[in-house]
Amino acid sequence: MCCCNTTNITNITNTTCRVDVFQGLAYIPLFFVGFLVNAAALRAFIAKRDSWTDTHIYMFNLAIADSALILFLPFRIYDAFFCLPKTLLCTFLIYTHFINMYASILTTVAISFQRYLAIRFPLQARSWRKKKETAFVVCLVFWGFLVTICAIFRKDNHPDKLWTCYERCKNRPLHWQFIVILVFLGFLAPLLIIVFCSSQIICILLKVDNKSEEKKRTIGIVTANMIVFIVCYTPIHVAFLINYFDDPPLNWQFEYLPAHVYLLVSEWVASTNCCFDSISYYFLLIGFYS
C-alpha cells in the first residue's frame, strides 16, 4: 500500500519505519506516572461510590478519559522504538487518543461550569434534585459527540494518509472542517468557558469576608487548574493550525520539519494533562467541593 502519492513525491511504502528514541523516552515516564495517579484516583472513587454526587460523576468520567489515554500509550512507545505497521489499528489508536483527550477537555468544562453555578447560585443549585442524572447524561452526550465526529472524519487518518503509525503525511493536511471543529469547538469555546467560570469563582470568593485557609486553597486550586488547561492544550491547537497552513518541501519525508517537531512536542505536553487532572481534581478539589 502506498502513501502520500503526489506528483514529484517519492512513494513511501507500508514498510516505512522511523525510529524516534526521544519520543519513546518521553512517553515512558508519562505512562508510569499517569498509570499510578489515575489508578489511585479510580480506586478512591470506586471506594466512595455509595456517596457520589454530580461532581463525583464528572470527575469519574474525567478519570476514565485520562486512564484510557494512558493505557494506550504503550502502543505509541512501541511504535517509537520498533515501528508498528500502518494498518487500521493505527487509525483506531489515533482516534482513541484524541477522543479521550477531548473527552477530558469537555468534562473539565462541565466541572468548571457546575462549580460556577454552585457558587454563583448556591440555593438554586442545592434545590435541583436531578443533578446526578444530569451529570450522567452530559457525560454520555460528550462521548457520543466525539465518537460521531471521528466517524464522520474517519478517512482523515486512514492508513493511506499516514507516514508512520502515529504521524500523518505532511503533504496531506486534515480537512479544514475538521480543523475548525478541533480548534474552535474542541479548544477555544472550552477555553472561554473555563476562563469565565474560573475568574467568576475567584471574584466571588474574594468578595467573601472570610480569610480561612480553605478559601485561599480553593482559589489557588481553581487558578492552577485554569493555568494548567491553558499550558497543556494551547500548544497542540496552535500546532494544528501551523501544520494545516504549512507548505512542506518536496522532500519532506527526509527532513525534520520545525512545524512537525512542534506538533509532536505539543502532543506530549497535552498528554501530561492526564497526570495534572488526577492531582488537582481528585486529591485536592474533591476535598472542598464534595
Protein backbone atom coordinates (compact mmCIF):
# COMPACT_ATOMS: atom_id res chain seq x y z
CA MET A 1 0.00 0.00 0.00
CA CYS A 2 1.44 3.35 -0.96
CA CYS A 3 1.09 6.53 0.99
CA CYS A 4 1.12 10.19 0.07
CA ASN A 5 1.16 9.69 -3.69
CA THR A 6 1.50 13.10 -5.31
CA THR A 7 3.45 14.43 -8.28
CA ASN A 8 7.25 14.51 -7.77
CA ILE A 9 6.90 12.97 -4.31
CA THR A 10 8.75 9.78 -3.61
CA ASN A 11 6.32 6.99 -2.70
CA ILE A 12 6.62 5.63 0.80
CA THR A 13 5.54 2.05 1.22
CA ASN A 14 3.69 0.48 4.10
CA THR A 15 7.06 -0.65 5.49
CA THR A 16 8.08 2.94 6.27
CA CYS A 17 9.83 2.98 9.60
CA ARG A 18 11.37 5.84 11.52
CA VAL A 19 12.74 5.07 14.95
CA ASP A 20 12.17 8.02 17.29
CA VAL A 21 14.04 7.29 20.50
CA PHE A 22 13.38 10.72 22.01
CA GLN A 23 9.63 10.35 21.59
CA GLY A 24 9.70 6.89 23.12
CA LEU A 25 11.77 8.03 26.08
CA ALA A 26 9.43 10.99 26.63
CA TYR A 27 6.30 8.83 26.82
CA ILE A 28 7.74 6.12 29.11
CA PRO A 29 7.79 8.21 32.33
CA LEU A 30 4.47 9.79 31.36
CA PHE A 31 2.91 6.34 31.12
CA PHE A 32 4.17 5.17 34.51
CA VAL A 33 3.30 8.39 36.37
CA GLY A 34 -0.08 8.64 34.64
CA PHE A 35 -0.88 5.00 35.34
CA LEU A 36 -0.10 5.33 39.05
CA VAL A 37 -2.02 8.56 39.72
CA ASN A 38 -5.04 7.57 37.65
CA ALA A 39 -5.18 4.10 39.18
CA ALA A 40 -5.13 5.70 42.62
CA ALA A 41 -7.85 8.13 41.59
CA LEU A 42 -10.11 5.40 40.20
CA ARG A 43 -9.62 3.32 43.32
CA ALA A 44 -10.54 6.28 45.53
CA PHE A 45 -13.71 6.98 43.54
CA ILE A 46 -14.85 3.37 43.43
CA ALA A 47 -14.36 3.09 47.19
CA LYS A 48 -16.77 6.02 47.71
CA ARG A 49 -19.29 5.12 45.02
CA ASP A 50 -22.17 4.92 47.54
CA SER A 51 -21.85 8.63 48.35
CA TRP A 52 -21.31 10.03 44.86
CA THR A 53 -22.60 13.46 43.88
CA ASP A 54 -22.81 15.03 40.44
CA THR A 55 -19.26 16.33 40.99
CA HIS A 56 -18.04 12.78 41.55
CA ILE A 57 -19.68 11.64 38.30
CA TYR A 58 -17.90 14.33 36.29
CA MET A 59 -14.59 13.58 37.99
CA PHE A 60 -15.01 9.84 37.45
CA ASN A 61 -15.67 10.49 33.76
CA LEU A 62 -12.52 12.58 33.68
CA ALA A 63 -10.61 9.71 35.29
CA ILE A 64 -11.96 7.27 32.69
CA ALA A 65 -10.87 9.51 29.81
CA ASP A 66 -7.40 10.11 31.27
CA SER A 67 -6.90 6.44 32.16
CA ALA A 68 -7.92 5.27 28.68
CA LEU A 69 -5.44 7.68 27.09
CA ILE A 70 -2.69 6.46 29.40
CA LEU A 71 -3.43 2.76 28.84
CA PHE A 72 -2.92 3.09 25.07
CA LEU A 73 0.45 4.88 25.39
CA PRO A 74 2.44 1.59 25.30
CA PHE A 75 1.44 1.28 21.63
CA ARG A 76 2.97 4.68 20.97
CA ILE A 77 6.10 3.78 22.92
CA TYR A 78 6.48 0.52 20.96
CA ASP A 79 5.96 2.38 17.68
CA ALA A 80 8.68 4.88 18.59
CA PHE A 81 11.26 2.10 19.03
CA PHE A 82 10.12 -0.69 16.70
CA CYS A 83 7.54 0.83 14.30
CA LEU A 84 4.03 -0.51 14.05
CA PRO A 85 2.78 -1.32 10.52
CA LYS A 86 0.38 1.23 9.06
CA THR A 87 -2.96 -0.52 9.38
CA LEU A 88 -6.44 0.33 10.61
CA LEU A 89 -5.10 -0.30 14.11
CA CYS A 90 -3.14 2.94 13.73
CA THR A 91 -6.29 4.80 12.75
CA PHE A 92 -8.03 3.36 15.81
CA LEU A 93 -5.13 4.33 18.10
CA ILE A 94 -5.01 7.91 16.79
CA TYR A 95 -8.73 8.47 17.23
CA THR A 96 -8.74 6.75 20.62
CA HIS A 97 -6.01 9.11 21.81
CA PHE A 98 -7.81 12.24 20.68
CA ILE A 99 -11.31 11.09 21.71
CA ASN A 100 -10.03 10.67 25.25
CA MET A 101 -8.15 13.96 25.14
CA TYR A 102 -11.24 15.90 24.07
CA ALA A 103 -13.43 13.95 26.50
CA SER A 104 -11.10 15.23 29.20
CA ILE A 105 -11.40 18.80 27.86
CA LEU A 106 -15.20 18.73 27.69
CA THR A 107 -15.52 17.15 31.13
CA THR A 108 -13.24 19.83 32.56
CA VAL A 109 -15.60 22.41 31.06
CA ALA A 110 -18.58 20.70 32.72
CA ILE A 111 -16.82 20.66 36.09
CA SER A 112 -15.91 24.35 35.83
CA PHE A 113 -19.45 25.32 34.81
CA GLN A 114 -21.00 23.17 37.55
CA ARG A 115 -18.73 24.71 40.20
CA TYR A 116 -19.56 28.20 38.95
CA LEU A 117 -23.30 27.55 39.23
CA ALA A 118 -22.87 26.06 42.71
CA ILE A 119 -21.03 29.16 43.95
CA ARG A 120 -22.93 31.80 41.96
CA PHE A 121 -26.41 30.36 42.64
CA PRO A 122 -25.98 28.18 45.76
CA LEU A 123 -29.69 27.98 46.70
CA GLN A 124 -30.86 27.03 43.22
CA ALA A 125 -28.03 24.52 42.86
CA ARG A 126 -28.94 22.77 46.11
CA SER A 127 -32.63 22.60 45.23
CA TRP A 128 -32.03 20.83 41.90
CA ARG A 129 -32.89 17.19 42.58
CA LYS A 130 -31.64 15.54 39.41
CA LYS A 131 -28.05 16.70 39.45
CA LYS A 132 -26.56 13.21 39.23
CA GLU A 133 -28.85 12.19 36.38
CA THR A 134 -27.96 15.40 34.53
CA ALA A 135 -24.24 14.80 35.00
CA PHE A 136 -24.57 11.24 33.70
CA VAL A 137 -26.46 12.37 30.59
CA VAL A 138 -23.98 15.19 29.93
CA CYS A 139 -21.08 12.73 30.02
CA LEU A 140 -22.87 10.38 27.61
CA VAL A 141 -23.53 13.28 25.23
CA PHE A 142 -19.83 14.19 25.28
CA TRP A 143 -18.75 10.67 24.34
CA GLY A 144 -21.45 10.35 21.71
CA PHE A 145 -20.49 13.67 20.13
CA LEU A 146 -16.79 12.78 19.97
CA VAL A 147 -17.34 9.31 18.53
CA THR A 148 -19.69 10.79 15.91
CA ILE A 149 -17.13 13.40 14.85
CA CYS A 150 -14.44 10.74 14.49
CA ALA A 151 -16.79 8.52 12.49
CA ILE A 152 -17.55 11.40 10.11
CA PHE A 153 -13.87 12.24 9.56
CA ARG A 154 -12.55 8.67 9.91
CA LYS A 155 -10.83 8.79 6.50
CA ASP A 156 -8.64 11.73 7.55
CA ASN A 157 -6.39 9.31 9.43
CA HIS A 158 -6.84 6.27 7.21
CA PRO A 159 -3.62 4.21 6.74
CA ASP A 160 -3.09 5.61 3.21
CA LYS A 161 -2.75 9.10 4.74
CA LEU A 162 -0.24 8.06 7.40
CA TRP A 163 3.54 8.38 7.16
CA THR A 164 4.11 6.25 10.26
CA CYS A 165 1.54 4.69 12.57
CA TYR A 166 1.15 7.86 14.64
CA GLU A 167 2.19 10.51 12.12
CA ARG A 168 0.28 11.83 9.14
CA CYS A 169 1.85 12.52 5.77
CA LYS A 170 2.90 16.16 5.92
CA ASN A 171 1.59 16.85 2.42
CA ARG A 172 -1.90 15.53 3.28
CA PRO A 173 -3.44 18.03 5.74
CA LEU A 174 -6.66 17.42 7.63
CA HIS A 175 -9.90 18.73 6.15
CA TRP A 176 -10.47 22.36 7.07
CA GLN A 177 -13.85 21.45 8.58
CA PHE A 178 -12.11 19.03 10.94
CA ILE A 179 -9.59 21.71 11.90
CA VAL A 180 -12.40 24.16 12.66
CA ILE A 181 -14.12 21.63 14.93
CA LEU A 182 -10.89 20.75 16.73
CA VAL A 183 -9.72 24.31 17.28
CA PHE A 184 -12.97 26.18 17.87
CA LEU A 185 -15.34 23.62 19.40
CA GLY A 186 -12.60 21.49 20.92
CA PHE A 187 -10.46 24.24 22.41
CA LEU A 188 -11.41 27.91 22.04
CA ALA A 189 -15.02 27.53 23.23
CA PRO A 190 -13.99 25.36 26.22
CA LEU A 191 -11.16 27.78 26.99
CA LEU A 192 -13.52 30.77 27.10
CA ILE A 193 -15.97 28.91 29.35
CA ILE A 194 -13.25 27.74 31.74
CA VAL A 195 -11.63 31.18 31.95
CA PHE A 196 -15.02 32.84 32.56
CA CYS A 197 -16.16 30.33 35.19
CA SER A 198 -12.80 30.26 36.97
CA SER A 199 -12.45 34.04 37.05
CA GLN A 200 -16.02 34.40 38.32
CA ILE A 201 -15.44 31.82 41.06
CA ILE A 202 -12.27 33.63 42.14
CA CYS A 203 -14.02 37.03 42.15
CA ILE A 204 -16.96 35.70 44.18
CA LEU A 205 -14.68 34.07 46.74
CA LEU A 206 -12.52 37.18 47.05
CA LYS A 207 -15.61 39.22 47.94
CA VAL A 208 -16.47 36.85 50.77
CA ASP A 209 -15.38 38.34 54.10
CA ASN A 210 -13.55 35.24 55.12
CA LYS A 211 -9.81 34.70 55.41
CA SER A 212 -9.96 30.97 56.03
CA GLU A 213 -7.26 28.64 54.76
CA GLU A 214 -9.90 26.72 52.80
CA LYS A 215 -10.85 29.82 50.82
CA LYS A 216 -7.22 30.54 49.94
CA ARG A 217 -6.57 26.98 48.87
CA THR A 218 -9.74 26.84 46.81
CA ILE A 219 -8.76 30.00 44.93
CA GLY A 220 -5.31 28.51 44.40
CA ILE A 221 -6.74 25.27 43.03
CA VAL A 222 -9.14 27.00 40.62
CA THR A 223 -6.34 29.26 39.39
CA ALA A 224 -3.92 26.37 38.97
CA ASN A 225 -6.47 24.29 37.05
CA MET A 226 -7.11 27.16 34.64
CA ILE A 227 -3.40 27.73 34.07
CA VAL A 228 -2.72 24.00 33.55
CA PHE A 229 -5.52 23.81 30.98
CA ILE A 230 -4.09 26.76 29.05
CA VAL A 231 -0.50 25.49 29.18
CA CYS A 232 -1.33 21.89 28.23
CA TYR A 233 -3.82 22.45 25.43
CA THR A 234 -2.85 25.73 23.77
CA PRO A 235 0.34 24.44 22.07
CA ILE A 236 -1.28 21.47 20.32
CA HIS A 237 -4.10 23.55 18.84
CA VAL A 238 -1.63 26.16 17.65
CA ALA A 239 0.27 23.24 16.10
CA PHE A 240 -2.85 22.04 14.29
CA LEU A 241 -3.17 25.45 12.63
CA ILE A 242 0.53 25.75 11.84
CA ASN A 243 0.67 22.32 10.22
CA TYR A 244 -2.51 22.96 8.25
CA PHE A 245 -1.16 26.16 6.69
CA ASP A 246 2.46 24.97 6.45
CA ASP A 247 3.67 24.17 2.93
CA PRO A 248 6.12 21.25 3.26
CA PRO A 249 9.04 20.87 0.82
CA LEU A 250 9.00 18.14 -1.82
CA ASN A 251 11.47 16.04 0.19
CA TRP A 252 9.52 16.44 3.46
CA GLN A 253 9.82 12.74 4.30
CA PHE A 254 13.60 13.07 4.70
CA GLU A 255 13.60 16.15 6.93
CA TYR A 256 12.63 17.07 10.48
CA LEU A 257 10.37 19.99 9.77
CA PRO A 258 10.08 22.53 12.64
CA ALA A 259 6.27 22.62 12.38
CA HIS A 260 6.05 18.84 12.63
CA VAL A 261 8.52 18.64 15.53
CA TYR A 262 6.48 21.28 17.33
CA LEU A 263 3.34 19.18 16.79
CA LEU A 264 4.97 16.09 18.31
CA VAL A 265 6.22 18.04 21.33
CA SER A 266 2.82 19.69 21.83
CA GLU A 267 1.10 16.28 21.72
CA TRP A 268 3.31 15.15 24.59
CA VAL A 269 2.59 18.34 26.53
CA ALA A 270 -1.16 17.82 26.04
CA SER A 271 -0.85 14.23 27.26
CA THR A 272 0.75 15.37 30.53
CA ASN A 273 -2.61 16.86 31.48
CA CYS A 274 -3.73 13.33 32.43
CA CYS A 275 -1.39 13.47 35.41
CA PHE A 276 -2.34 17.01 36.45
CA ASP A 277 -6.05 16.14 36.34
CA SER A 278 -5.61 13.41 38.92
CA ILE A 279 -3.51 15.50 41.25
CA SER A 280 -5.60 18.67 41.11
CA TYR A 281 -9.16 17.43 40.82
CA TYR A 282 -9.17 14.09 42.59
CA PHE A 283 -6.88 14.69 45.53
CA LEU A 284 -7.43 18.40 46.14
CA LEU A 285 -10.64 19.72 44.61
CA ILE A 286 -12.76 16.86 45.91
CA GLY A 287 -11.84 17.79 49.44
CA PHE A 288 -13.54 21.18 49.15
CA TYR A 289 -16.48 20.59 46.83
CA SER A 290 -17.79 17.13 47.73
